[in-house]
Amino acid sequence: MRQFTIINLYSDMACEYDRVAKIRDAVDNKELTVHFIEYDEYLEDKKITPKRKQGDLITGNVNIDLISYSRKEEKELIHNQSIPFSPHIEAIIEVSQIIDKFTLIANTSIISEHITINFEDEVDYRVGDKVLVNGSLELCDIV
C-alpha cells in the first residue's frame, strides 16, 4: 500500500460511490488521475464529498482495470493520461507475474512498484511480455 496526497477531487464526476481525483504519490512524487470507490458514502446529484478534501492523505494500491484494448509491444515502459480530469490511461507494461486469464502483475512507469492489471477479456500474455493497455487507473484497497 502506498500513500498519496489528494490534489483535487472532481466533484462534477462524483456520483453514487464513484470518485475521480488527481493524487500525488508520496514516494515517486508523480501526479496521477484515478478513480476509486467510496463504499460508505453515497452521493447524489454530483454533490461534493464531505469525507475527503484537497490535501488529505489517502492510502491504497494503484492498478489498471477496465482494459478494453491490449496488444504486445516492444517499446519502453511509458504511460499517458491525455484526457483531462479522467482516469483513462494508456500504458506499456511489462508482465512480471500471471495471476489468472484476466489478471497480471506488472512493472510500469506509473509507480515504482508492481501493480495489478485487470482485463475485461481473457488474455494470453507471458512473463516478460511488454503490453500496451488502454484502461482506467484505479486506487483500490483504500484505508
Foldseek 3Di string as FASTA:
>chain_A
DFKWFFAAWDLQPDAFFKTWTWIATPPPRDIAIAMEGRPVDTDHPSDDDPPDGGGDMKDFAKEFEPWPDKDFDDDDWDKDDPDPSFQKMKTWWAFAADPDQFKTWTQHPPDHHIHIYGYPDGDDDDHGTIMITIGGMHGDPID
